[in-house]
Full PDB file with SEQRES, HELIX, SHEET, SSBOND, CRYST1, ORIGX, SCALE, CONECT and MASTER records, all heavy atoms in Angstrom:
SEQRES   1 A   42  LEU GLY ILE SER ILE ASN THR GLN THR LEU TYR THR THR          
SEQRES   2 A   42  ASN SER ARG SER GLY ILE VAL THR ALA ILE ASP LEU ALA          
SEQRES   3 A   42  THR GLY LYS GLN THR HIS ILE LYS ALA ASP ALA ASP GLY          
SEQRES   4 A   42  ARG ALA PRO                                                  
SHEET    1 AA1 4 GLY A   2  SER A   4  0                                        
SHEET    2 AA1 4 THR A   9  ASN A  14 -1                                        
SHEET    3 AA1 4 ILE A  19  ASP A  24 -1                                        
SHEET    4 AA1 4 GLN A  30  LYS A  34 -1                                        
CRYST1    1.000    1.000    1.000  90.00  90.00  90.00 P 1           1          
ORIGX1      1.000000  0.000000  0.000000        0.00000                         
ORIGX2      0.000000  1.000000  0.000000        0.00000                         
ORIGX3      0.000000  0.000000  1.000000        0.00000                         
SCALE1      1.000000  0.000000  0.000000        0.00000                         
SCALE2      0.000000  1.000000  0.000000        0.00000                         
SCALE3      0.000000  0.000000  1.000000        0.00000                         
ATOM      1  N   LEU A   1    -185.919  10.057   0.357  1.00  0.00           N  
ATOM      2  CA  LEU A   1    -185.583  10.598   1.673  1.00  0.00           C  
ATOM      3  C   LEU A   1    -185.003  12.001   1.520  1.00  0.00           C  
ATOM      4  O   LEU A   1    -184.167  12.250   0.650  1.00  0.00           O  
ATOM      5  CB  LEU A   1    -184.563   9.690   2.369  1.00  0.00           C  
ATOM      6  CG  LEU A   1    -184.209  10.015   3.817  1.00  0.00           C  
ATOM      7  CD1 LEU A   1    -185.415   9.822   4.736  1.00  0.00           C  
ATOM      8  CD2 LEU A   1    -183.050   9.141   4.300  1.00  0.00           C  
ATOM      9  N   GLY A   2    -185.475  12.919   2.356  1.00  0.00           N  
ATOM     10  CA  GLY A   2    -184.937  14.272   2.399  1.00  0.00           C  
ATOM     11  C   GLY A   2    -184.853  14.731   3.835  1.00  0.00           C  
ATOM     12  O   GLY A   2    -185.380  14.077   4.744  1.00  0.00           O  
ATOM     13  N   ILE A   3    -184.193  15.861   4.061  1.00  0.00           N  
ATOM     14  CA  ILE A   3    -184.044  16.366   5.424  1.00  0.00           C  
ATOM     15  C   ILE A   3    -184.151  17.891   5.431  1.00  0.00           C  
ATOM     16  O   ILE A   3    -183.621  18.564   4.545  1.00  0.00           O  
ATOM     17  CB  ILE A   3    -182.700  15.928   6.051  1.00  0.00           C  
ATOM     18  CG1 ILE A   3    -182.610  16.362   7.514  1.00  0.00           C  
ATOM     19  CG2 ILE A   3    -181.509  16.450   5.248  1.00  0.00           C  
ATOM     20  CD1 ILE A   3    -181.438  15.755   8.271  1.00  0.00           C  
ATOM     21  N   SER A   4    -184.871  18.392   6.418  1.00  0.00           N  
ATOM     22  CA  SER A   4    -184.859  19.823   6.703  1.00  0.00           C  
ATOM     23  C   SER A   4    -183.792  20.055   7.758  1.00  0.00           C  
ATOM     24  O   SER A   4    -183.928  19.584   8.898  1.00  0.00           O  
ATOM     25  CB  SER A   4    -186.225  20.292   7.220  1.00  0.00           C  
ATOM     26  OG  SER A   4    -186.110  21.619   7.735  1.00  0.00           O  
ATOM     27  N   ILE A   5    -182.744  20.761   7.389  1.00  0.00           N  
ATOM     28  CA  ILE A   5    -181.680  21.058   8.351  1.00  0.00           C  
ATOM     29  C   ILE A   5    -182.208  22.019   9.408  1.00  0.00           C  
ATOM     30  O   ILE A   5    -181.861  21.926  10.584  1.00  0.00           O  
ATOM     31  CB  ILE A   5    -180.452  21.661   7.629  1.00  0.00           C  
ATOM     32  CG1 ILE A   5    -179.983  20.726   6.505  1.00  0.00           C  
ATOM     33  CG2 ILE A   5    -179.322  21.909   8.621  1.00  0.00           C  
ATOM     34  CD1 ILE A   5    -179.614  19.341   6.941  1.00  0.00           C  
ATOM     35  N   ASN A   6    -183.072  22.947   8.997  1.00  0.00           N  
ATOM     36  CA  ASN A   6    -183.627  23.926   9.943  1.00  0.00           C  
ATOM     37  C   ASN A   6    -184.377  23.269  11.083  1.00  0.00           C  
ATOM     38  O   ASN A   6    -184.184  23.592  12.263  1.00  0.00           O  
ATOM     39  CB  ASN A   6    -184.585  24.883   9.223  1.00  0.00           C  
ATOM     40  CG  ASN A   6    -183.868  25.834   8.288  1.00  0.00           C  
ATOM     41  OD1 ASN A   6    -182.655  25.997   8.347  1.00  0.00           O  
ATOM     42  ND2 ASN A   6    -184.620  26.464   7.405  1.00  0.00           N  
ATOM     43  N   THR A   7    -185.278  22.349  10.751  1.00  0.00           N  
ATOM     44  CA  THR A   7    -186.152  21.745  11.765  1.00  0.00           C  
ATOM     45  C   THR A   7    -185.663  20.394  12.236  1.00  0.00           C  
ATOM     46  O   THR A   7    -186.253  19.809  13.139  1.00  0.00           O  
ATOM     47  CB  THR A   7    -187.579  21.588  11.214  1.00  0.00           C  
ATOM     48  OG1 THR A   7    -187.566  20.644  10.133  1.00  0.00           O  
ATOM     49  CG2 THR A   7    -188.120  22.923  10.711  1.00  0.00           C  
ATOM     50  N   GLN A   8    -184.590  19.875  11.632  1.00  0.00           N  
ATOM     51  CA  GLN A   8    -184.065  18.545  11.950  1.00  0.00           C  
ATOM     52  C   GLN A   8    -185.175  17.489  11.846  1.00  0.00           C  
ATOM     53  O   GLN A   8    -185.444  16.709  12.754  1.00  0.00           O  
ATOM     54  CB  GLN A   8    -183.415  18.522  13.331  1.00  0.00           C  
ATOM     55  CG  GLN A   8    -182.050  19.210  13.381  1.00  0.00           C  
ATOM     56  CD  GLN A   8    -181.007  18.483  12.546  1.00  0.00           C  
ATOM     57  OE1 GLN A   8    -180.456  17.460  12.976  1.00  0.00           O  
ATOM     58  NE2 GLN A   8    -180.737  18.982  11.343  1.00  0.00           N  
ATOM     59  N   THR A   9    -185.787  17.504  10.669  1.00  0.00           N  
ATOM     60  CA  THR A   9    -186.858  16.563  10.368  1.00  0.00           C  
ATOM     61  C   THR A   9    -186.536  15.814   9.085  1.00  0.00           C  
ATOM     62  O   THR A   9    -186.153  16.416   8.085  1.00  0.00           O  
ATOM     63  CB  THR A   9    -188.201  17.299  10.194  1.00  0.00           C  
ATOM     64  OG1 THR A   9    -188.489  18.034  11.382  1.00  0.00           O  
ATOM     65  CG2 THR A   9    -189.334  16.324   9.912  1.00  0.00           C  
ATOM     66  N   LEU A  10    -186.671  14.484   9.140  1.00  0.00           N  
ATOM     67  CA  LEU A  10    -186.545  13.661   7.954  1.00  0.00           C  
ATOM     68  C   LEU A  10    -187.901  13.539   7.271  1.00  0.00           C  
ATOM     69  O   LEU A  10    -188.932  13.502   7.946  1.00  0.00           O  
ATOM     70  CB  LEU A  10    -186.041  12.259   8.306  1.00  0.00           C  
ATOM     71  CG  LEU A  10    -184.627  12.127   8.866  1.00  0.00           C  
ATOM     72  CD1 LEU A  10    -184.393  10.696   9.352  1.00  0.00           C  
ATOM     73  CD2 LEU A  10    -183.580  12.509   7.827  1.00  0.00           C  
ATOM     74  N   TYR A  11    -187.880  13.428   5.947  1.00  0.00           N  
ATOM     75  CA  TYR A  11    -189.109  13.201   5.186  1.00  0.00           C  
ATOM     76  C   TYR A  11    -188.889  12.001   4.270  1.00  0.00           C  
ATOM     77  O   TYR A  11    -187.918  11.954   3.518  1.00  0.00           O  
ATOM     78  CB  TYR A  11    -189.472  14.431   4.349  1.00  0.00           C  
ATOM     79  CG  TYR A  11    -189.856  15.625   5.188  1.00  0.00           C  
ATOM     80  CD1 TYR A  11    -188.883  16.528   5.624  1.00  0.00           C  
ATOM     81  CD2 TYR A  11    -191.175  15.843   5.584  1.00  0.00           C  
ATOM     82  CE1 TYR A  11    -189.217  17.615   6.416  1.00  0.00           C  
ATOM     83  CE2 TYR A  11    -191.519  16.931   6.371  1.00  0.00           C  
ATOM     84  CZ  TYR A  11    -190.537  17.810   6.786  1.00  0.00           C  
ATOM     85  OH  TYR A  11    -190.878  18.882   7.579  1.00  0.00           O  
ATOM     86  N   THR A  12    -189.777  11.016   4.374  1.00  0.00           N  
ATOM     87  CA  THR A  12    -189.690   9.846   3.510  1.00  0.00           C  
ATOM     88  C   THR A  12    -190.926   9.765   2.624  1.00  0.00           C  
ATOM     89  O   THR A  12    -192.021  10.168   3.032  1.00  0.00           O  
ATOM     90  CB  THR A  12    -189.594   8.544   4.318  1.00  0.00           C  
ATOM     91  OG1 THR A  12    -190.878   8.210   4.861  1.00  0.00           O  
ATOM     92  CG2 THR A  12    -188.589   8.665   5.454  1.00  0.00           C  
ATOM     93  N   THR A  13    -190.727   9.259   1.420  1.00  0.00           N  
ATOM     94  CA  THR A  13    -191.872   9.020   0.536  1.00  0.00           C  
ATOM     95  C   THR A  13    -192.168   7.529   0.485  1.00  0.00           C  
ATOM     96  O   THR A  13    -191.272   6.691   0.670  1.00  0.00           O  
ATOM     97  CB  THR A  13    -191.609   9.517  -0.895  1.00  0.00           C  
ATOM     98  OG1 THR A  13    -190.514   8.776  -1.465  1.00  0.00           O  
ATOM     99  CG2 THR A  13    -191.298  10.995  -0.914  1.00  0.00           C  
ATOM    100  N   ASN A  14    -193.413   7.202   0.214  1.00  0.00           N  
ATOM    101  CA  ASN A  14    -193.830   5.816   0.051  1.00  0.00           C  
ATOM    102  C   ASN A  14    -194.794   5.751  -1.123  1.00  0.00           C  
ATOM    103  O   ASN A  14    -195.952   6.126  -0.999  1.00  0.00           O  
ATOM    104  CB  ASN A  14    -194.496   5.294   1.320  1.00  0.00           C  
ATOM    105  CG  ASN A  14    -194.983   3.861   1.160  1.00  0.00           C  
ATOM    106  OD1 ASN A  14    -194.687   3.204   0.164  1.00  0.00           O  
ATOM    107  ND2 ASN A  14    -195.728   3.388   2.116  1.00  0.00           N  
ATOM    108  N   SER A  15    -194.289   5.274  -2.263  1.00  0.00           N  
ATOM    109  CA  SER A  15    -195.150   5.210  -3.443  1.00  0.00           C  
ATOM    110  C   SER A  15    -196.177   4.085  -3.334  1.00  0.00           C  
ATOM    111  O   SER A  15    -197.151   4.067  -4.080  1.00  0.00           O  
ATOM    112  CB  SER A  15    -194.299   5.028  -4.708  1.00  0.00           C  
ATOM    113  OG  SER A  15    -193.533   3.858  -4.632  1.00  0.00           O  
ATOM    114  N   ARG A  16    -195.972   3.143  -2.398  1.00  0.00           N  
ATOM    115  CA  ARG A  16    -196.945   2.056  -2.233  1.00  0.00           C  
ATOM    116  C   ARG A  16    -198.224   2.570  -1.587  1.00  0.00           C  
ATOM    117  O   ARG A  16    -199.333   2.310  -2.064  1.00  0.00           O  
ATOM    118  CB  ARG A  16    -196.355   0.941  -1.358  1.00  0.00           C  
ATOM    119  CG  ARG A  16    -195.144   0.217  -1.966  1.00  0.00           C  
ATOM    120  CD  ARG A  16    -194.591  -0.799  -0.980  1.00  0.00           C  
ATOM    121  NE  ARG A  16    -193.285  -1.312  -1.393  1.00  0.00           N  
ATOM    122  CZ  ARG A  16    -192.495  -2.019  -0.581  1.00  0.00           C  
ATOM    123  NH1 ARG A  16    -192.880  -2.289   0.655  1.00  0.00           N  
ATOM    124  NH2 ARG A  16    -191.332  -2.445  -1.013  1.00  0.00           N  
ATOM    125  N   SER A  17    -198.090   3.294  -0.472  1.00  0.00           N  
ATOM    126  CA  SER A  17    -199.271   3.769   0.243  1.00  0.00           C  
ATOM    127  C   SER A  17    -199.626   5.208  -0.109  1.00  0.00           C  
ATOM    128  O   SER A  17    -200.692   5.687   0.250  1.00  0.00           O  
ATOM    129  CB  SER A  17    -199.051   3.669   1.760  1.00  0.00           C  
ATOM    130  OG  SER A  17    -197.991   4.514   2.163  1.00  0.00           O  
ATOM    131  N   GLY A  18    -198.715   5.907  -0.805  1.00  0.00           N  
ATOM    132  CA  GLY A  18    -199.005   7.257  -1.256  1.00  0.00           C  
ATOM    133  C   GLY A  18    -198.938   8.301  -0.169  1.00  0.00           C  
ATOM    134  O   GLY A  18    -199.652   9.300  -0.231  1.00  0.00           O  
ATOM    135  N   ILE A  19    -198.063   8.113   0.831  1.00  0.00           N  
ATOM    136  CA  ILE A  19    -197.936   9.104   1.895  1.00  0.00           C  
ATOM    137  C   ILE A  19    -196.493   9.595   1.988  1.00  0.00           C  
ATOM    138  O   ILE A  19    -195.567   8.976   1.474  1.00  0.00           O  
ATOM    139  CB  ILE A  19    -198.371   8.548   3.275  1.00  0.00           C  
ATOM    140  CG1 ILE A  19    -197.435   7.410   3.730  1.00  0.00           C  
ATOM    141  CG2 ILE A  19    -199.810   8.087   3.251  1.00  0.00           C  
ATOM    142  CD1 ILE A  19    -197.710   6.939   5.144  1.00  0.00           C  
ATOM    143  N   VAL A  20    -196.341  10.735   2.644  1.00  0.00           N  
ATOM    144  CA  VAL A  20    -195.031  11.244   3.055  1.00  0.00           C  
ATOM    145  C   VAL A  20    -195.014  11.228   4.576  1.00  0.00           C  
ATOM    146  O   VAL A  20    -195.971  11.657   5.216  1.00  0.00           O  
ATOM    147  CB  VAL A  20    -194.786  12.673   2.532  1.00  0.00           C  
ATOM    148  CG1 VAL A  20    -193.528  13.272   3.160  1.00  0.00           C  
ATOM    149  CG2 VAL A  20    -194.670  12.672   1.008  1.00  0.00           C  
ATOM    150  N   THR A  21    -193.937  10.701   5.157  1.00  0.00           N  
ATOM    151  CA  THR A  21    -193.819  10.641   6.611  1.00  0.00           C  
ATOM    152  C   THR A  21    -192.729  11.590   7.079  1.00  0.00           C  
ATOM    153  O   THR A  21    -191.602  11.543   6.578  1.00  0.00           O  
ATOM    154  CB  THR A  21    -193.496   9.219   7.085  1.00  0.00           C  
ATOM    155  OG1 THR A  21    -194.554   8.338   6.696  1.00  0.00           O  
ATOM    156  CG2 THR A  21    -193.347   9.164   8.602  1.00  0.00           C  
ATOM    157  N   ALA A  22    -193.081  12.467   8.029  1.00  0.00           N  
ATOM    158  CA  ALA A  22    -192.110  13.375   8.655  1.00  0.00           C  
ATOM    159  C   ALA A  22    -191.664  12.750   9.971  1.00  0.00           C  
ATOM    160  O   ALA A  22    -192.498  12.319  10.773  1.00  0.00           O  
ATOM    161  CB  ALA A  22    -192.741  14.736   8.899  1.00  0.00           C  
ATOM    162  N   ILE A  23    -190.347  12.699  10.193  1.00  0.00           N  
ATOM    163  CA  ILE A  23    -189.790  12.108  11.411  1.00  0.00           C  
ATOM    164  C   ILE A  23    -188.962  13.167  12.125  1.00  0.00           C  
ATOM    165  O   ILE A  23    -187.922  13.604  11.612  1.00  0.00           O  
ATOM    166  CB  ILE A  23    -188.907  10.886  11.100  1.00  0.00           C  
ATOM    167  CG1 ILE A  23    -189.690   9.846  10.277  1.00  0.00           C  
ATOM    168  CG2 ILE A  23    -188.370  10.264  12.377  1.00  0.00           C  
ATOM    169  CD1 ILE A  23    -188.824   8.720   9.742  1.00  0.00           C  
ATOM    170  N   ASP A  24    -189.401  13.582  13.299  1.00  0.00           N  
ATOM    171  CA  ASP A  24    -188.673  14.549  14.116  1.00  0.00           C  
ATOM    172  C   ASP A  24    -187.488  13.831  14.754  1.00  0.00           C  
ATOM    173  O   ASP A  24    -187.661  12.908  15.559  1.00  0.00           O  
ATOM    174  CB  ASP A  24    -189.602  15.121  15.189  1.00  0.00           C  
ATOM    175  CG  ASP A  24    -188.962  16.256  15.974  1.00  0.00           C  
ATOM    176  OD1 ASP A  24    -187.816  16.089  16.440  1.00  0.00           O  
ATOM    177  OD2 ASP A  24    -189.612  17.299  16.138  1.00  0.00           O  
ATOM    178  N   LEU A  25    -186.259  14.248  14.411  1.00  0.00           N  
ATOM    179  CA  LEU A  25    -185.080  13.547  14.913  1.00  0.00           C  
ATOM    180  C   LEU A  25    -184.871  13.744  16.412  1.00  0.00           C  
ATOM    181  O   LEU A  25    -184.260  12.900  17.067  1.00  0.00           O  
ATOM    182  CB  LEU A  25    -183.834  14.003  14.150  1.00  0.00           C  
ATOM    183  CG  LEU A  25    -183.718  13.476  12.719  1.00  0.00           C  
ATOM    184  CD1 LEU A  25    -182.522  14.124  12.017  1.00  0.00           C  
ATOM    185  CD2 LEU A  25    -183.582  11.964  12.708  1.00  0.00           C  
ATOM    186  N   ALA A  26    -185.367  14.825  16.962  1.00  0.00           N  
ATOM    187  CA  ALA A  26    -185.192  15.078  18.399  1.00  0.00           C  
ATOM    188  C   ALA A  26    -186.127  14.221  19.244  1.00  0.00           C  
ATOM    189  O   ALA A  26    -185.735  13.703  20.296  1.00  0.00           O  
ATOM    190  CB  ALA A  26    -185.416  16.552  18.706  1.00  0.00           C  
ATOM    191  N   THR A  27    -187.362  14.050  18.799  1.00  0.00           N  
ATOM    192  CA  THR A  27    -188.367  13.356  19.612  1.00  0.00           C  
ATOM    193  C   THR A  27    -188.760  11.989  19.068  1.00  0.00           C  
ATOM    194  O   THR A  27    -189.333  11.174  19.794  1.00  0.00           O  
ATOM    195  CB  THR A  27    -189.649  14.202  19.709  1.00  0.00           C  
ATOM    196  OG1 THR A  27    -190.244  14.294  18.398  1.00  0.00           O  
ATOM    197  CG2 THR A  27    -189.337  15.598  20.221  1.00  0.00           C  
ATOM    198  N   GLY A  28    -188.472  11.743  17.801  1.00  0.00           N  
ATOM    199  CA  GLY A  28    -188.903  10.504  17.174  1.00  0.00           C  
ATOM    200  C   GLY A  28    -190.343  10.524  16.697  1.00  0.00           C  
ATOM    201  O   GLY A  28    -190.820   9.548  16.115  1.00  0.00           O  
ATOM    202  N   LYS A  29    -191.048  11.621  16.908  1.00  0.00           N  
ATOM    203  CA  LYS A  29    -192.444  11.703  16.501  1.00  0.00           C  
ATOM    204  C   LYS A  29    -192.564  11.570  14.986  1.00  0.00           C  
ATOM    205  O   LYS A  29    -191.815  12.178  14.233  1.00  0.00           O  
ATOM    206  CB  LYS A  29    -193.049  13.031  16.938  1.00  0.00           C  
ATOM    207  CG  LYS A  29    -194.494  13.215  16.498  1.00  0.00           C  
ATOM    208  CD  LYS A  29    -195.031  14.601  16.865  1.00  0.00           C  
ATOM    209  CE  LYS A  29    -196.442  14.809  16.331  1.00  0.00           C  
ATOM    210  NZ  LYS A  29    -196.950  16.175  16.617  1.00  0.00           N  
ATOM    211  N   GLN A  30    -193.544  10.767  14.551  1.00  0.00           N  
ATOM    212  CA  GLN A  30    -193.808  10.584  13.135  1.00  0.00           C  
ATOM    213  C   GLN A  30    -195.163  11.179  12.773  1.00  0.00           C  
ATOM    214  O   GLN A  30    -196.155  10.952  13.451  1.00  0.00           O  
ATOM    215  CB  GLN A  30    -193.788   9.100  12.774  1.00  0.00           C  
ATOM    216  CG  GLN A  30    -192.427   8.453  13.010  1.00  0.00           C  
ATOM    217  CD  GLN A  30    -192.376   7.016  12.547  1.00  0.00           C  
ATOM    218  OE1 GLN A  30    -193.106   6.614  11.654  1.00  0.00           O  
ATOM    219  NE2 GLN A  30    -191.499   6.239  13.160  1.00  0.00           N  
ATOM    220  N   THR A  31    -195.162  11.943  11.704  1.00  0.00           N  
ATOM    221  CA  THR A  31    -196.389  12.540  11.189  1.00  0.00           C  
ATOM    222  C   THR A  31    -196.586  12.056   9.767  1.00  0.00           C  
ATOM    223  O   THR A  31    -195.707  12.234   8.912  1.00  0.00           O  
ATOM    224  CB  THR A  31    -196.307  14.083  11.194  1.00  0.00           C  
ATOM    225  OG1 THR A  31    -196.034  14.536  12.517  1.00  0.00           O  
ATOM    226  CG2 THR A  31    -197.612  14.698  10.711  1.00  0.00           C  
ATOM    227  N   HIS A  32    -197.727  11.435   9.500  1.00  0.00           N  
ATOM    228  CA  HIS A  32    -198.013  10.890   8.180  1.00  0.00           C  
ATOM    229  C   HIS A  32    -198.865  11.887   7.404  1.00  0.00           C  
ATOM    230  O   HIS A  32    -199.942  12.277   7.848  1.00  0.00           O  
ATOM    231  CB  HIS A  32    -198.704   9.541   8.300  1.00  0.00           C  
ATOM    232  CG  HIS A  32    -197.920   8.564   9.127  1.00  0.00           C  
ATOM    233  ND1 HIS A  32    -196.695   8.087   8.730  1.00  0.00           N  
ATOM    234  CD2 HIS A  32    -198.176   8.017  10.336  1.00  0.00           C  
ATOM    235  CE1 HIS A  32    -196.221   7.269   9.661  1.00  0.00           C  
ATOM    236  NE2 HIS A  32    -197.110   7.220  10.640  1.00  0.00           N  
ATOM    237  N   ILE A  33    -198.349  12.297   6.259  1.00  0.00           N  
ATOM    238  CA  ILE A  33    -198.951  13.378   5.478  1.00  0.00           C  
ATOM    239  C   ILE A  33    -199.550  12.790   4.215  1.00  0.00           C  
ATOM    240  O   ILE A  33    -198.886  12.049   3.479  1.00  0.00           O  
ATOM    241  CB  ILE A  33    -197.888  14.436   5.126  1.00  0.00           C  
ATOM    242  CG1 ILE A  33    -197.166  14.910   6.399  1.00  0.00           C  
ATOM    243  CG2 ILE A  33    -198.523  15.618   4.392  1.00  0.00           C  
ATOM    244  CD1 ILE A  33    -195.878  15.671   6.124  1.00  0.00           C  
ATOM    245  N   LYS A  34    -200.805  13.144   3.959  1.00  0.00           N  
ATOM    246  CA  LYS A  34    -201.486  12.693   2.751  1.00  0.00           C  
ATOM    247  C   LYS A  34    -201.804  13.895   1.865  1.00  0.00           C  
ATOM    248  O   LYS A  34    -202.195  14.947   2.359  1.00  0.00           O  
ATOM    249  CB  LYS A  34    -202.770  11.944   3.101  1.00  0.00           C  
ATOM    250  CG  LYS A  34    -202.521  10.627   3.834  1.00  0.00           C  
ATOM    251  CD  LYS A  34    -203.831   9.891   4.079  1.00  0.00           C  
ATOM    252  CE  LYS A  34    -203.573   8.565   4.778  1.00  0.00           C  
ATOM    253  NZ  LYS A  34    -204.825   7.809   5.025  1.00  0.00           N  
ATOM    254  N   ALA A  35    -201.663  13.676   0.557  1.00  0.00           N  
ATOM    255  CA  ALA A  35    -202.013  14.731  -0.403  1.00  0.00           C  
ATOM    256  C   ALA A  35    -203.464  14.567  -0.817  1.00  0.00           C  
ATOM    257  O   ALA A  35    -204.153  13.642  -0.389  1.00  0.00           O  
ATOM    258  CB  ALA A  35    -201.096  14.655  -1.616  1.00  0.00           C  
ATOM    259  N   ASP A  36    -203.943  15.468  -1.681  1.00  0.00           N  
ATOM    260  CA  ASP A  36    -205.276  15.291  -2.238  1.00  0.00           C  
ATOM    261  C   ASP A  36    -205.238  14.174  -3.284  1.00  0.00           C  
ATOM    262  O   ASP A  36    -204.206  13.535  -3.499  1.00  0.00           O  
ATOM    263  CB  ASP A  36    -205.813  16.602  -2.822  1.00  0.00           C  
ATOM    264  CG  ASP A  36    -204.912  17.185  -3.899  1.00  0.00           C  
ATOM    265  OD1 ASP A  36    -204.174  16.411  -4.543  1.00  0.00           O  
ATOM    266  OD2 ASP A  36    -204.928  18.411  -4.089  1.00  0.00           O  
ATOM    267  N   ALA A  37    -206.337  13.933  -3.918  1.00  0.00           N  
ATOM    268  CA  ALA A  37    -206.464  12.782  -4.814  1.00  0.00           C  
ATOM    269  C   ALA A  37    -205.482  12.808  -5.975  1.00  0.00           C  
ATOM    270  O   ALA A  37    -205.133  11.757  -6.525  1.00  0.00           O  
ATOM    271  CB  ALA A  37    -207.893  12.703  -5.353  1.00  0.00           C  
ATOM    272  N   ASP A  38    -205.021  14.001  -6.362  1.00  0.00           N  
ATOM    273  CA  ASP A  38    -204.131  14.096  -7.520  1.00  0.00           C  
ATOM    274  C   ASP A  38    -202.686  13.736  -7.196  1.00  0.00           C  
ATOM    275  O   ASP A  38    -201.918  13.381  -8.093  1.00  0.00           O  
ATOM    276  CB  ASP A  38    -204.172  15.513  -8.093  1.00  0.00           C  
ATOM    277  CG  ASP A  38    -205.514  15.849  -8.711  1.00  0.00           C  
ATOM    278  OD1 ASP A  38    -206.152  14.925  -9.249  1.00  0.00           O  
ATOM    279  OD2 ASP A  38    -205.924  17.017  -8.647  1.00  0.00           O  
ATOM    280  N   GLY A  39    -202.285  13.849  -5.937  1.00  0.00           N  
ATOM    281  CA  GLY A  39    -200.879  13.698  -5.590  1.00  0.00           C  
ATOM    282  C   GLY A  39    -200.464  12.275  -5.333  1.00  0.00           C  
ATOM    283  O   GLY A  39    -200.038  11.915  -4.226  1.00  0.00           O  
ATOM    284  N   ARG A  40    -200.567  11.425  -6.322  1.00  0.00           N  
ATOM    285  CA  ARG A  40    -200.294  10.011  -6.145  1.00  0.00           C  
ATOM    286  C   ARG A  40    -198.815   9.699  -6.333  1.00  0.00           C  
ATOM    287  O   ARG A  40    -198.095  10.403  -7.010  1.00  0.00           O  
ATOM    288  CB  ARG A  40    -201.136   9.193  -7.126  1.00  0.00           C  
ATOM    289  CG  ARG A  40    -202.632   9.389  -6.946  1.00  0.00           C  
ATOM    290  CD  ARG A  40    -203.442   8.541  -7.917  1.00  0.00           C  
ATOM    291  NE  ARG A  40    -203.178   8.860  -9.311  1.00  0.00           N  
ATOM    292  CZ  ARG A  40    -203.741   9.871  -9.971  1.00  0.00           C  
ATOM    293  NH1 ARG A  40    -204.587  10.671  -9.338  1.00  0.00           N  
ATOM    294  NH2 ARG A  40    -203.470  10.085 -11.230  1.00  0.00           N  
ATOM    295  N   ALA A  41    -198.391   8.561  -5.722  1.00  0.00           N  
ATOM    296  CA  ALA A  41    -197.050   8.001  -5.918  1.00  0.00           C  
ATOM    297  C   ALA A  41    -195.936   9.007  -5.683  1.00  0.00           C  
ATOM    298  O   ALA A  41    -195.158   9.313  -6.597  1.00  0.00           O  
ATOM    299  CB  ALA A  41    -196.935   7.382  -7.308  1.00  0.00           C  
ATOM    300  N   PRO A  42    -195.790   9.536  -4.464  1.00  0.00           N  
ATOM    301  CA  PRO A  42    -194.670  10.448  -4.196  1.00  0.00           C  
ATOM    302  C   PRO A  42    -193.342   9.722  -4.325  1.00  0.00           C  
ATOM    303  O   PRO A  42    -193.215   8.566  -3.917  1.00  0.00           O  
ATOM    304  CB  PRO A  42    -194.934  10.910  -2.762  1.00  0.00           C  
ATOM    305  CG  PRO A  42    -195.710   9.793  -2.142  1.00  0.00           C  
ATOM    306  CD  PRO A  42    -196.559   9.244  -3.243  1.00  0.00           C  
TER     307      PRO A  42                                                      
MASTER        0    0    0    0    4    0    0    6  306    1    0    4          
END                                                                             
């Protein structure tokens, strides 16, 4: 788990599914980010 203080966004990693999820703290919107084939197990 990490946080951008500037944008007030949380970032979570998931080594099971291989994605990073951005969570906007103001709106609750979640954005699921995928890397290319090399970026496994964040």
